[in-house]
C-alpha cells in the first residue's frame, strides 16, 4: 500500500436511481422517516477527488498522465472572463 485515497462511485455516468429506505433507529425504535439512497448499478467506474486530498501529488505520480491532466473549461479563458465580468456589472 503506497497511500490512502477516497474513491466514489460515478453515479452520474451510470444514472444510479434514488430509492426509499427505512430511516435510522432512534433509541431501539424504528423511525418512520425515510431517506433517499442511491442504488448503484455497476461497480466498474469510480471517481477520485483530486482537489480535496493531502496526497494528491502521490496520486498524480501514480496514475497515467491522461487521467490527471487539466482540461480547460473554455477555449478562450480570457474572453470568457471578460464576458462574465461584463454580465456581473449589469
PDB file of N, CA and C in Angstrom:
ATOM      1  N   UNK A   1       0.855  -1.176   0.000  1.00  0.00           N
ATOM      2  CA  UNK A   1       0.000   0.000   0.000  1.00  0.00           C
ATOM      3  C   UNK A   1       0.894   1.229   0.000  1.00  0.00           C
ATOM      4  N   UNK A   2       0.715   2.087  -0.985  1.00  0.00           N
ATOM      5  CA  UNK A   2       1.532   3.292  -1.099  1.00  0.00           C
ATOM      6  C   UNK A   2       0.934   4.474  -0.345  1.00  0.00           C
ATOM      7  N   UNK A   3      -0.391   4.623  -0.378  1.00  0.00           N
ATOM      8  CA  UNK A   3      -1.055   5.744   0.286  1.00  0.00           C
ATOM      9  C   UNK A   3      -2.557   5.491   0.298  1.00  0.00           C
ATOM     10  N   UNK A   4      -3.270   6.266   1.108  1.00  0.00           N
ATOM     11  CA  UNK A   4      -4.727   6.184   1.166  1.00  0.00           C
ATOM     12  C   UNK A   4      -5.331   7.213   0.216  1.00  0.00           C
ATOM     13  N   UNK A   5      -6.496   6.873  -0.334  1.00  0.00           N
ATOM     14  CA  UNK A   5      -7.246   7.831  -1.138  1.00  0.00           C
ATOM     15  C   UNK A   5      -8.723   7.484  -1.041  1.00  0.00           C
ATOM     16  N   UNK A   6      -9.562   8.409  -1.456  1.00  0.00           N
ATOM     17  CA  UNK A   6     -11.002   8.215  -1.392  1.00  0.00           C
ATOM     18  C   UNK A   6     -11.550   8.131  -2.803  1.00  0.00           C
ATOM     19  N   UNK A   7     -12.218   7.034  -3.119  1.00  0.00           N
ATOM     20  CA  UNK A   7     -12.861   6.864  -4.424  1.00  0.00           C
ATOM     21  C   UNK A   7     -14.368   6.825  -4.226  1.00  0.00           C
ATOM     22  N   UNK A   8     -15.095   7.460  -5.147  1.00  0.00           N
ATOM     23  CA  UNK A   8     -16.555   7.477  -5.069  1.00  0.00           C
ATOM     24  C   UNK A   8     -17.134   6.942  -6.363  1.00  0.00           C
ATOM     25  N   UNK A   9     -18.253   6.259  -6.248  1.00  0.00           N
ATOM     26  CA  UNK A   9     -18.916   5.673  -7.408  1.00  0.00           C
ATOM     27  C   UNK A   9     -19.376   6.776  -8.363  1.00  0.00           C
ATOM     28  N   UNK A  10     -19.290   6.537  -9.658  1.00  0.00           N
ATOM     29  CA  UNK A  10     -19.697   7.509 -10.677  1.00  0.00           C
ATOM     30  C   UNK A  10     -21.189   7.342 -10.984  1.00  0.00           C
ATOM     31  N   UNK A  11     -22.025   7.817 -10.078  1.00  0.00           N
ATOM     32  CA  UNK A  11     -23.485   7.670 -10.212  1.00  0.00           C
ATOM     33  C   UNK A  11     -24.030   8.431 -11.421  1.00  0.00           C
ATOM     34  N   UNK A  12     -23.411   9.554 -11.767  1.00  0.00           N
ATOM     35  CA  UNK A  12     -23.899  10.338 -12.901  1.00  0.00           C
ATOM     36  C   UNK A  12     -23.732   9.561 -14.206  1.00  0.00           C
ATOM     37  N   UNK A  13     -22.613   8.879 -14.371  1.00  0.00           N
ATOM     38  CA  UNK A  13     -22.355   8.110 -15.593  1.00  0.00           C
ATOM     39  C   UNK A  13     -23.346   6.956 -15.742  1.00  0.00           C
ATOM     40  N   UNK A  14     -23.624   6.252 -14.649  1.00  0.00           N
ATOM     41  CA  UNK A  14     -24.495   5.079 -14.700  1.00  0.00           C
ATOM     42  C   UNK A  14     -25.967   5.406 -14.429  1.00  0.00           C
ATOM     43  N   UNK A  15     -26.275   6.667 -14.112  1.00  0.00           N
ATOM     44  CA  UNK A  15     -27.645   7.092 -13.793  1.00  0.00           C
ATOM     45  C   UNK A  15     -28.248   6.214 -12.697  1.00  0.00           C
ATOM     46  N   UNK A  16     -27.538   6.085 -11.606  1.00  0.00           N
ATOM     47  CA  UNK A  16     -27.999   5.269 -10.476  1.00  0.00           C
ATOM     48  C   UNK A  16     -29.266   5.887  -9.885  1.00  0.00           C
ATOM     49  N   UNK A  17     -30.323   5.092  -9.717  1.00  0.00           N
ATOM     50  CA  UNK A  17     -31.591   5.639  -9.230  1.00  0.00           C
ATOM     51  C   UNK A  17     -31.601   5.858  -7.720  1.00  0.00           C
ATOM     52  N   UNK A  18     -32.449   6.793  -7.295  1.00  0.00           N
ATOM     53  CA  UNK A  18     -32.697   7.011  -5.871  1.00  0.00           C
ATOM     54  C   UNK A  18     -33.848   6.106  -5.443  1.00  0.00           C
ATOM     55  N   UNK A  19     -33.677   5.448  -4.319  1.00  0.00           N
ATOM     56  CA  UNK A  19     -34.746   4.605  -3.787  1.00  0.00           C
ATOM     57  C   UNK A  19     -35.012   5.012  -2.344  1.00  0.00           C
ATOM     58  N   UNK A  20     -36.208   4.738  -1.862  1.00  0.00           N
ATOM     59  CA  UNK A  20     -36.533   4.995  -0.459  1.00  0.00           C
ATOM     60  C   UNK A  20     -36.007   3.851   0.392  1.00  0.00           C
ATOM     61  N   UNK A  21     -35.538   4.178   1.558  1.00  0.00           N
ATOM     62  CA  UNK A  21     -35.130   3.144   2.507  1.00  0.00           C
ATOM     63  C   UNK A  21     -35.607   3.559   3.885  1.00  0.00           C
ATOM     64  N   UNK A  22     -35.619   2.629   4.790  1.00  0.00           N
ATOM     65  CA  UNK A  22     -36.021   2.946   6.154  1.00  0.00           C
ATOM     66  C   UNK A  22     -35.013   3.871   6.790  1.00  0.00           C
ATOM     67  N   UNK A  23     -35.509   4.744   7.619  1.00  0.00           N
ATOM     68  CA  UNK A  23     -34.644   5.682   8.310  1.00  0.00           C
ATOM     69  C   UNK A  23     -33.902   5.022   9.459  1.00  0.00           C
ATOM     70  N   UNK A  24     -33.110   5.787  10.161  1.00  0.00           N
ATOM     71  CA  UNK A  24     -32.317   5.240  11.263  1.00  0.00           C
ATOM     72  C   UNK A  24     -33.197   4.882  12.458  1.00  0.00           C
ATOM     73  N   UNK A  25     -32.704   3.979  13.268  1.00  0.00           N
ATOM     74  CA  UNK A  25     -33.404   3.624  14.504  1.00  0.00           C
ATOM     75  C   UNK A  25     -33.129   4.715  15.532  1.00  0.00           C
ATOM     76  N   UNK A  26     -34.146   5.015  16.324  1.00  0.00           N
ATOM     77  CA  UNK A  26     -33.982   6.008  17.382  1.00  0.00           C
ATOM     78  C   UNK A  26     -34.320   5.346  18.713  1.00  0.00           C
ATOM     79  N   UNK A  27     -33.308   5.174  19.528  1.00  0.00           N
ATOM     80  CA  UNK A  27     -33.461   4.556  20.843  1.00  0.00           C
ATOM     81  C   UNK A  27     -34.235   3.243  20.762  1.00  0.00           C
ATOM     82  N   UNK A  28     -33.744   2.330  19.955  1.00  0.00           N
ATOM     83  CA  UNK A  28     -34.282   0.980  19.760  1.00  0.00           C
ATOM     84  C   UNK A  28     -35.640   0.932  19.074  1.00  0.00           C
ATOM     85  N   UNK A  29     -36.119   2.047  18.572  1.00  0.00           N
ATOM     86  CA  UNK A  29     -37.394   2.085  17.860  1.00  0.00           C
ATOM     87  C   UNK A  29     -37.151   2.414  16.396  1.00  0.00           C
ATOM     88  N   UNK A  30     -37.927   1.775  15.525  1.00  0.00           N
ATOM     89  CA  UNK A  30     -37.824   2.088  14.103  1.00  0.00           C
ATOM     90  C   UNK A  30     -38.368   3.488  13.851  1.00  0.00           C
ATOM     91  N   UNK A  31     -37.657   4.270  13.090  1.00  0.00           N
ATOM     92  CA  UNK A  31     -38.107   5.613  12.737  1.00  0.00           C
ATOM     93  C   UNK A  31     -39.022   5.516  11.521  1.00  0.00           C
ATOM     94  N   UNK A  32     -40.040   6.351  11.477  1.00  0.00           N
ATOM     95  CA  UNK A  32     -40.939   6.351  10.323  1.00  0.00           C
ATOM     96  C   UNK A  32     -40.395   7.217   9.192  1.00  0.00           C
ATOM     97  N   UNK A  33     -39.340   7.924   9.464  1.00  0.00           N
ATOM     98  CA  UNK A  33     -38.718   8.754   8.433  1.00  0.00           C
ATOM     99  C   UNK A  33     -38.001   7.855   7.433  1.00  0.00           C
ATOM    100  N   UNK A  34     -38.022   8.264   6.182  1.00  0.00           N
ATOM    101  CA  UNK A  34     -37.266   7.526   5.171  1.00  0.00           C
ATOM    102  C   UNK A  34     -36.241   8.454   4.549  1.00  0.00           C
ATOM    103  N   UNK A  35     -35.203   7.866   4.044  1.00  0.00           N
ATOM    104  CA  UNK A  35     -34.150   8.614   3.366  1.00  0.00           C
ATOM    105  C   UNK A  35     -34.025   8.085   1.950  1.00  0.00           C
ATOM    106  N   UNK A  36     -33.690   8.966   1.032  1.00  0.00           N
ATOM    107  CA  UNK A  36     -33.394   8.545  -0.333  1.00  0.00           C
ATOM    108  C   UNK A  36     -31.954   8.042  -0.362  1.00  0.00           C
ATOM    109  N   UNK A  37     -31.758   6.887  -0.956  1.00  0.00           N
ATOM    110  CA  UNK A  37     -30.437   6.265  -1.030  1.00  0.00           C
ATOM    111  C   UNK A  37     -30.195   5.860  -2.478  1.00  0.00           C
ATOM    112  N   UNK A  38     -28.965   6.016  -2.942  1.00  0.00           N
ATOM    113  CA  UNK A  38     -28.622   5.600  -4.303  1.00  0.00           C
ATOM    114  C   UNK A  38     -28.465   4.088  -4.368  1.00  0.00           C
ATOM    115  N   UNK A  39     -29.010   3.503  -5.414  1.00  0.00           N
ATOM    116  CA  UNK A  39     -28.810   2.082  -5.684  1.00  0.00           C
ATOM    117  C   UNK A  39     -27.823   1.995  -6.841  1.00  0.00           C
ATOM    118  N   UNK A  40     -26.584   1.612  -6.559  1.00  0.00           N
ATOM    119  CA  UNK A  40     -25.539   1.606  -7.584  1.00  0.00           C
ATOM    120  C   UNK A  40     -25.788   0.500  -8.609  1.00  0.00           C
ATOM    121  N   UNK A  41     -25.726   0.879  -9.873  1.00  0.00           N
ATOM    122  CA  UNK A  41     -25.997  -0.038 -10.971  1.00  0.00           C
ATOM    123  C   UNK A  41     -24.787  -0.924 -11.270  1.00  0.00           C
ATOM    124  N   UNK A  42     -23.624  -0.324 -11.398  1.00  0.00           N
ATOM    125  CA  UNK A  42     -22.420  -1.033 -11.830  1.00  0.00           C
ATOM    126  C   UNK A  42     -21.253  -0.543 -10.985  1.00  0.00           C
ATOM    127  N   UNK A  43     -20.394  -1.439 -10.554  1.00  0.00           N
ATOM    128  CA  UNK A  43     -19.252  -1.059  -9.718  1.00  0.00           C
ATOM    129  C   UNK A  43     -17.932  -1.073 -10.486  1.00  0.00           C
ATOM    130  N   UNK A  44     -17.969  -0.690 -11.757  1.00  0.00           N
ATOM    131  CA  UNK A  44     -16.744  -0.744 -12.554  1.00  0.00           C
ATOM    132  C   UNK A  44     -16.110   0.630 -12.784  1.00  0.00           C
ATOM    133  N   UNK A  45     -16.745   1.712 -12.325  1.00  0.00           N
ATOM    134  CA  UNK A  45     -16.208   3.054 -12.593  1.00  0.00           C
ATOM    135  C   UNK A  45     -16.318   3.910 -11.337  1.00  0.00           C
ATOM    136  N   UNK A  46     -15.180   4.508 -10.946  1.00  0.00           N
ATOM    137  CA  UNK A  46     -15.128   5.328  -9.746  1.00  0.00           C
ATOM    138  C   UNK A  46     -14.411   6.635 -10.044  1.00  0.00           C
ATOM    139  N   UNK A  47     -14.658   7.646  -9.209  1.00  0.00           N
ATOM    140  CA  UNK A  47     -14.026   8.953  -9.328  1.00  0.00           C
ATOM    141  C   UNK A  47     -13.132   9.197  -8.123  1.00  0.00           C
ATOM    142  N   UNK A  48     -12.018   9.881  -8.354  1.00  0.00           N
ATOM    143  CA  UNK A  48     -11.118  10.281  -7.277  1.00  0.00           C
ATOM    144  C   UNK A  48     -11.121  11.800  -7.239  1.00  0.00           C
ATOM    145  N   UNK A  49     -11.440  12.382  -6.080  1.00  0.00           N
ATOM    146  CA  UNK A  49     -11.445  13.836  -5.925  1.00  0.00           C
ATOM    147  C   UNK A  49     -10.005  14.304  -5.741  1.00  0.00           C
ATOM    148  N   UNK A  50      -9.463  14.957  -6.752  1.00  0.00           N
ATOM    149  CA  UNK A  50      -8.064  15.390  -6.715  1.00  0.00           C
ATOM    150  C   UNK A  50      -7.891  16.732  -6.006  1.00  0.00           C
ATOM    151  N   UNK A  51      -8.978  17.439  -5.713  1.00  0.00           N
ATOM    152  CA  UNK A  51      -8.865  18.779  -5.143  1.00  0.00           C
ATOM    153  C   UNK A  51      -8.934  18.810  -3.628  1.00  0.00           C
ATOM    154  N   UNK A  52      -9.375  17.749  -2.999  1.00  0.00           N
ATOM    155  CA  UNK A  52      -9.532  17.774  -1.556  1.00  0.00           C
ATOM    156  C   UNK A  52      -8.608  16.823  -0.826  1.00  0.00           C
ATOM    157  N   UNK A  53      -7.521  16.448  -1.439  1.00  0.00           N
ATOM    158  CA  UNK A  53      -6.641  15.445  -0.843  1.00  0.00           C
ATOM    159  C   UNK A  53      -5.306  16.038  -0.417  1.00  0.00           C
ATOM    160  N   UNK A  54      -4.794  15.530   0.683  1.00  0.00           N
ATOM    161  CA  UNK A  54      -3.463  15.951   1.114  1.00  0.00           C
ATOM    162  C   UNK A  54      -2.380  15.255   0.298  1.00  0.00           C
ATOM    163  N   UNK A  55      -2.693  14.105  -0.274  1.00  0.00           N
ATOM    164  CA  UNK A  55      -1.685  13.358  -1.025  1.00  0.00           C
ATOM    165  C   UNK A  55      -1.996  13.324  -2.523  1.00  0.00           C
ATOM    166  N   UNK A  56      -2.611  14.377  -3.051  1.00  0.00           N
ATOM    167  CA  UNK A  56      -2.938  14.421  -4.474  1.00  0.00           C
ATOM    168  C   UNK A  56      -1.685  14.301  -5.335  1.00  0.00           C
ATOM    169  N   UNK A  57      -0.559  14.801  -4.855  1.00  0.00           N
ATOM    170  CA  UNK A  57       0.685  14.700  -5.628  1.00  0.00           C
ATOM    171  C   UNK A  57       1.090  13.236  -5.817  1.00  0.00           C
ATOM    172  N   UNK A  58       0.823  12.381  -4.845  1.00  0.00           N
ATOM    173  CA  UNK A  58       1.144  10.957  -4.981  1.00  0.00           C
ATOM    174  C   UNK A  58       0.230  10.282  -6.003  1.00  0.00           C
ATOM    175  N   UNK A  59      -1.030  10.677  -6.013  1.00  0.00           N
ATOM    176  CA  UNK A  59      -1.957  10.118  -6.996  1.00  0.00           C
ATOM    177  C   UNK A  59      -1.546  10.541  -8.396  1.00  0.00           C
ATOM    178  N   UNK A  60      -1.171  11.824  -8.570  1.00  0.00           N
ATOM    179  CA  UNK A  60      -0.728  12.301  -9.889  1.00  0.00           C
ATOM    180  C   UNK A  60       0.518  11.564 -10.360  1.00  0.00           C
ATOM    181  N   UNK A  61       1.417  11.229  -9.439  1.00  0.00           N
ATOM    182  CA  UNK A  61       2.630  10.494  -9.810  1.00  0.00           C
ATOM    183  C   UNK A  61       2.321   9.048 -10.182  1.00  0.00           C
ATOM    184  N   UNK A  62       1.281   8.480  -9.600  1.00  0.00           N
ATOM    185  CA  UNK A  62       0.963   7.070  -9.790  1.00  0.00           C
ATOM    186  C   UNK A  62       0.109   6.812 -11.027  1.00  0.00           C
ATOM    187  N   UNK A  63      -0.899   7.662 -11.262  1.00  0.00           N
ATOM    188  CA  UNK A  63      -1.818   7.445 -12.379  1.00  0.00           C
ATOM    189  C   UNK A  63      -1.208   7.914 -13.697  1.00  0.00           C
ATOM    190  N   UNK A  64      -1.649   7.346 -14.820  1.00  0.00           N
ATOM    191  CA  UNK A  64      -1.181   7.814 -16.130  1.00  0.00           C
ATOM    192  C   UNK A  64      -1.565   9.272 -16.360  1.00  0.00           C
ATOM    193  N   UNK A  65      -0.762   9.975 -17.113  1.00  0.00           N
ATOM    194  CA  UNK A  65      -0.941  11.417 -17.336  1.00  0.00           C
ATOM    195  C   UNK A  65      -2.322  11.754 -17.902  1.00  0.00           C
ATOM    196  N   UNK A  66      -2.833  10.941 -18.830  1.00  0.00           N
ATOM    197  CA  UNK A  66      -4.116  11.271 -19.460  1.00  0.00           C
ATOM    198  C   UNK A  66      -5.281  11.238 -18.471  1.00  0.00           C
ATOM    199  N   UNK A  67      -5.100  10.619 -17.313  1.00  0.00           N
ATOM    200  CA  UNK A  67      -6.162  10.579 -16.309  1.00  0.00           C
ATOM    201  C   UNK A  67      -6.135  11.774 -15.361  1.00  0.00           C
ATOM    202  N   UNK A  68      -5.004  12.457 -15.263  1.00  0.00           N
ATOM    203  CA  UNK A  68      -4.884  13.549 -14.293  1.00  0.00           C
ATOM    204  C   UNK A  68      -4.576  14.904 -14.922  1.00  0.00           C
ATOM    205  N   UNK A  69      -4.487  14.972 -16.245  1.00  0.00           N
ATOM    206  CA  UNK A  69      -4.167  16.254 -16.868  1.00  0.00           C
ATOM    207  C   UNK A  69      -5.338  17.227 -16.736  1.00  0.00           C
ATOM    208  N   UNK A  70      -5.014  18.499 -16.614  1.00  0.00           N
ATOM    209  CA  UNK A  70      -6.027  19.536 -16.506  1.00  0.00           C
ATOM    210  C   UNK A  70      -6.657  19.778 -17.870  1.00  0.00           C
ATOM    211  N   UNK A  71      -7.969  19.913 -17.886  1.00  0.00           N
ATOM    212  CA  UNK A  71      -8.678  20.171 -19.132  1.00  0.00           C
ATOM    213  C   UNK A  71      -9.384  21.517 -18.993  1.00  0.00           C
ATOM    214  N   UNK A  72      -9.110  22.467 -19.905  1.00  0.00           N
ATOM    215  CA  UNK A  72      -9.732  23.790 -19.791  1.00  0.00           C
ATOM    216  C   UNK A  72     -11.243  23.719 -20.010  1.00  0.00           C
ATOM    217  N   UNK A  73     -11.965  24.543 -19.282  1.00  0.00           N
ATOM    218  CA  UNK A  73     -13.428  24.606 -19.428  1.00  0.00           C
ATOM    219  C   UNK A  73     -13.826  25.387 -20.675  1.00  0.00           C
ATOM    220  N   UNK A  74     -13.012  26.373 -21.050  1.00  0.00           N
ATOM    221  CA  UNK A  74     -13.320  27.237 -22.182  1.00  0.00           C
ATOM    222  C   UNK A  74     -12.086  27.350 -23.071  1.00  0.00           C
ATOM    223  N   UNK A  75     -12.313  27.429 -24.384  1.00  0.00           N
ATOM    224  CA  UNK A  75     -11.196  27.541 -25.324  1.00  0.00           C
ATOM    225  C   UNK A  75     -10.444  28.857 -25.124  1.00  0.00           C
ATOM    226  N   UNK A  76     -11.183  29.956 -24.966  1.00  0.00           N
ATOM    227  CA  UNK A  76     -10.568  31.267 -24.758  1.00  0.00           C
ATOM    228  C   UNK A  76     -10.915  31.741 -23.348  1.00  0.00           C
ATOM    229  N   UNK A  77     -10.080  31.421 -22.399  1.00  0.00           N
ATOM    230  CA  UNK A  77     -10.338  31.702 -20.987  1.00  0.00           C
ATOM    231  C   UNK A  77     -10.486  33.201 -20.709  1.00  0.00           C
ATOM    232  N   UNK A  78      -9.611  33.995 -21.315  1.00  0.00           N
ATOM    233  CA  UNK A  78      -9.628  35.439 -21.063  1.00  0.00           C
ATOM    234  C   UNK A  78     -10.919  36.077 -21.585  1.00  0.00           C
ATOM    235  N   UNK A  79     -11.355  35.681 -22.774  1.00  0.00           N
ATOM    236  CA  UNK A  79     -12.593  36.224 -23.338  1.00  0.00           C
ATOM    237  C   UNK A  79     -13.788  35.842 -22.468  1.00  0.00           C
ATOM    238  N   UNK A  80     -13.803  34.623 -21.963  1.00  0.00           N
ATOM    239  CA  UNK A  80     -14.896  34.179 -21.095  1.00  0.00           C
ATOM    240  C   UNK A  80     -14.888  34.951 -19.781  1.00  0.00           C
ATOM    241  N   UNK A  81     -13.702  35.240 -19.270  1.00  0.00           N
ATOM    242  CA  UNK A  81     -13.577  36.031 -18.047  1.00  0.00           C
ATOM    243  C   UNK A  81     -14.197  37.415 -18.244  1.00  0.00           C
ATOM    244  N   UNK A  82     -13.864  38.063 -19.357  1.00  0.00           N
ATOM    245  CA  UNK A  82     -14.422  39.387 -19.646  1.00  0.00           C
ATOM    246  C   UNK A  82     -15.940  39.319 -19.823  1.00  0.00           C
ATOM    247  N   UNK A  83     -16.429  38.253 -20.436  1.00  0.00           N
ATOM    248  CA  UNK A  83     -17.878  38.076 -20.621  1.00  0.00           C
ATOM    249  C   UNK A  83     -18.587  37.961 -19.267  1.00  0.00           C
ATOM    250  N   UNK A  84     -18.036  37.163 -18.369  1.00  0.00           N
ATOM    251  CA  UNK A  84     -18.629  37.008 -17.037  1.00  0.00           C
ATOM    252  C   UNK A  84     -18.567  38.322 -16.252  1.00  0.00           C
ATOM    253  N   UNK A  85     -17.443  39.025 -16.354  1.00  0.00           N
ATOM    254  CA  UNK A  85     -17.290  40.296 -15.642  1.00  0.00           C
ATOM    255  C   UNK A  85     -18.302  41.319 -16.142  1.00  0.00           C
ATOM    256  N   UNK A  86     -18.519  41.378 -17.452  1.00  0.00           N
ATOM    257  CA  UNK A  86     -19.494  42.320 -18.016  1.00  0.00           C
ATOM    258  C   UNK A  86     -20.905  41.982 -17.543  1.00  0.00           C
ATOM    259  N   UNK A  87     -21.229  40.705 -17.467  1.00  0.00           N
ATOM    260  CA  UNK A  87     -22.560  40.290 -17.003  1.00  0.00           C
ATOM    261  C   UNK A  87     -22.768  40.668 -15.538  1.00  0.00           C
ATOM    262  N   UNK A  88     -21.722  40.597 -14.733  1.00  0.00           N
ATOM    263  CA  UNK A  88     -21.837  40.959 -13.322  1.00  0.00           C
ATOM    264  C   UNK A  88     -21.997  42.465 -13.129  1.00  0.00           C
ATOM    265  N   UNK A  89     -21.438  43.250 -14.054  1.00  0.00           N
ATOM    266  CA  UNK A  89     -21.542  44.704 -13.942  1.00  0.00           C
ATOM    267  C   UNK A  89     -22.939  45.210 -14.291  1.00  0.00           C
ATOM    268  N   UNK A  90     -23.705  44.436 -15.036  1.00  0.00           N
ATOM    269  CA  UNK A  90     -25.047  44.872 -15.470  1.00  0.00           C
ATOM    270  C   UNK A  90     -26.030  44.870 -14.336  1.00  0.00           C
TER     271      UNK A  90
END
